[in-house]
Amino acid sequence: MTTLSSFLTNEHNQCDELYAEAENQAAAGDWTLADAAFQHFVESTQRHFAHEEEVVFPAFEAQTGMRGGPTQVMRDEHRQMNEVFVAMRDALARKDGNGYLGLSETLLMLMRQHNLKEENILYPMADQALAGQADALLAKF
């Protein structure tokens, strides 16, 4: 049986790989490949956010009664990352390597801190609270 933790952590790892590919292409100045890789990264990351925000977080909140706690912090951080995505797209459109790579560093710090909180705190809490629902929740992805 796949746990919510293992599935969502795997998505983090996949998104990290896509992030690195986009950063490598931008650093090399290959704007066409950088743009495509960045788009793939953003789509994958936003799909991950949707898994959390539309499926896992509501189920966790319903089960635990915690509505203003860790899930709200994660939603706020998702919004922050989405704002950085917009700025990074703009830098790519301008072919501004320094701007893109600077924003990329900001995003990397946000993602690392965010993922650590999810993987070490929220996901284990969700695994425990939603153990009986995990298969049904995963099927919604």
Protein backbone atom coordinates (compact mmCIF):
# COMPACT_ATOMS: atom_id res chain seq x y z
CA MET A 1 0.00 0.00 0.00
CA THR A 2 1.31 3.42 -0.96
CA THR A 3 1.07 6.02 1.78
CA LEU A 4 0.14 9.64 1.20
CA SER A 5 3.62 10.53 2.46
CA SER A 6 5.45 8.33 -0.01
CA PHE A 7 3.30 9.41 -2.97
CA LEU A 8 3.57 13.13 -2.22
CA THR A 9 7.29 12.94 -1.39
CA ASN A 10 7.85 11.19 -4.72
CA GLU A 11 6.05 14.09 -6.41
CA HIS A 12 8.42 16.50 -4.62
CA ASN A 13 11.38 14.57 -5.98
CA GLN A 14 9.98 14.59 -9.52
CA CYS A 15 9.35 18.33 -9.34
CA ASP A 16 12.89 18.88 -8.02
CA GLU A 17 14.31 17.06 -11.05
CA LEU A 18 12.23 19.19 -13.43
CA TYR A 19 13.32 22.34 -11.59
CA ALA A 20 16.98 21.38 -12.00
CA GLU A 21 16.50 20.72 -15.72
CA ALA A 22 14.96 24.16 -16.26
CA GLU A 23 17.73 25.82 -14.25
CA ASN A 24 20.43 23.97 -16.22
CA GLN A 25 18.93 25.03 -19.55
CA ALA A 26 18.64 28.66 -18.42
CA ALA A 27 22.23 28.63 -17.15
CA ALA A 28 23.31 27.31 -20.56
CA GLY A 29 21.34 30.10 -22.27
CA ASP A 30 19.14 27.69 -24.21
CA TRP A 31 15.98 29.74 -23.87
CA THR A 32 13.75 27.44 -25.91
CA LEU A 33 14.62 24.38 -23.83
CA ALA A 34 14.63 26.41 -20.62
CA ASP A 35 11.13 27.69 -21.34
CA ALA A 36 9.82 24.20 -22.13
CA ALA A 37 11.49 22.68 -19.07
CA PHE A 38 10.23 25.47 -16.83
CA GLN A 39 6.69 25.05 -18.14
CA HIS A 40 6.86 21.31 -17.45
CA PHE A 41 8.16 22.01 -13.94
CA VAL A 42 5.40 24.54 -13.19
CA GLU A 43 2.66 22.24 -14.52
CA SER A 44 3.94 19.34 -12.42
CA THR A 45 4.30 21.49 -9.33
CA GLN A 46 0.84 22.98 -9.69
CA ARG A 47 -0.61 19.49 -10.17
CA HIS A 48 1.12 18.53 -6.90
CA PHE A 49 -0.31 21.61 -5.19
CA ALA A 50 -3.78 20.61 -6.44
CA HIS A 51 -3.36 17.08 -5.02
CA GLU A 52 -2.68 18.65 -1.67
CA GLU A 53 -5.10 21.58 -1.71
CA GLU A 54 -8.06 19.83 -3.34
CA VAL A 55 -7.74 16.33 -1.89
CA VAL A 56 -5.37 15.84 1.04
CA PHE A 57 -5.73 19.10 2.94
CA PRO A 58 -9.56 19.13 2.98
CA ALA A 59 -9.64 15.49 4.12
CA PHE A 60 -7.02 16.20 6.81
CA GLU A 61 -8.92 19.27 8.00
CA ALA A 62 -12.20 17.37 8.13
CA GLN A 63 -10.64 14.49 10.04
CA THR A 64 -8.65 16.55 12.55
CA GLY A 65 -10.65 19.77 12.78
CA MET A 66 -7.43 21.74 12.14
CA ARG A 67 -8.30 24.39 9.59
CA GLY A 68 -5.98 27.27 10.40
CA GLY A 69 -2.87 25.30 11.16
CA PRO A 70 -0.30 23.53 9.03
CA THR A 71 -2.47 23.25 5.92
CA GLN A 72 -3.03 27.01 5.86
CA VAL A 73 0.71 27.62 6.14
CA MET A 74 1.29 25.27 3.20
CA ARG A 75 -1.38 27.02 1.10
CA ASP A 76 0.27 30.37 1.84
CA GLU A 77 3.63 28.98 0.76
CA HIS A 78 2.08 27.59 -2.43
CA ARG A 79 0.86 31.12 -3.21
CA GLN A 80 4.36 32.50 -2.59
CA MET A 81 5.88 29.97 -4.96
CA ASN A 82 3.26 30.71 -7.61
CA GLU A 83 4.24 34.39 -7.40
CA VAL A 84 7.88 33.48 -7.99
CA PHE A 85 6.81 31.32 -10.97
CA VAL A 86 5.27 34.42 -12.58
CA ALA A 87 8.46 36.44 -12.10
CA MET A 88 10.56 33.56 -13.45
CA ARG A 89 8.37 33.29 -16.56
CA ASP A 90 8.89 37.01 -17.12
CA ALA A 91 12.67 36.64 -16.81
CA LEU A 92 12.59 33.74 -19.28
CA ALA A 93 10.54 35.79 -21.74
CA ARG A 94 13.16 38.56 -21.52
CA LYS A 95 15.96 35.98 -21.81
CA ASP A 96 17.33 37.43 -18.57
CA GLY A 97 19.61 34.69 -17.30
CA ASN A 98 20.78 36.56 -14.21
CA GLY A 99 17.23 37.48 -13.26
CA TYR A 100 15.97 33.95 -13.81
CA LEU A 101 18.81 32.34 -11.88
CA GLY A 102 18.41 34.79 -9.00
CA LEU A 103 14.71 34.00 -8.76
CA SER A 104 15.56 30.33 -9.13
CA GLU A 105 17.70 30.54 -5.99
CA THR A 106 14.84 32.20 -4.12
CA LEU A 107 12.48 29.48 -5.27
CA LEU A 108 14.92 26.75 -4.31
CA MET A 109 15.08 28.06 -0.74
CA LEU A 110 11.28 28.30 -0.56
CA MET A 111 10.83 24.77 -1.95
CA ARG A 112 13.41 23.20 0.35
CA GLN A 113 11.92 24.74 3.48
CA HIS A 114 8.38 23.97 2.34
CA ASN A 115 9.12 20.36 1.41
CA LEU A 116 10.92 19.72 4.70
CA LYS A 117 7.89 20.93 6.66
CA GLU A 118 5.53 18.80 4.60
CA GLU A 119 7.68 15.67 4.57
CA ASN A 120 8.67 15.81 8.25
CA ILE A 121 5.55 17.24 9.86
CA LEU A 122 2.39 17.45 7.76
CA TYR A 123 2.65 14.25 5.72
CA PRO A 124 3.27 12.01 8.76
CA MET A 125 0.33 13.70 10.49
CA ALA A 126 -1.81 13.08 7.39
CA ASP A 127 -0.69 9.45 7.18
CA GLN A 128 -1.78 8.92 10.75
CA ALA A 129 -5.06 10.85 10.55
CA LEU A 130 -6.08 9.52 7.13
CA ALA A 131 -4.71 5.97 7.25
CA GLY A 132 -8.10 4.43 6.55
CA GLN A 133 -8.75 6.80 3.65
CA ALA A 134 -5.36 6.78 1.91
CA ASP A 135 -6.29 4.49 -0.98
CA ALA A 136 -9.49 6.41 -1.73
CA LEU A 137 -7.63 9.74 -1.59
CA LEU A 138 -4.83 8.51 -3.82
CA ALA A 139 -7.40 7.30 -6.33
CA LYS A 140 -8.61 10.90 -6.65
CA PHE A 141 -5.22 11.95 -8.02
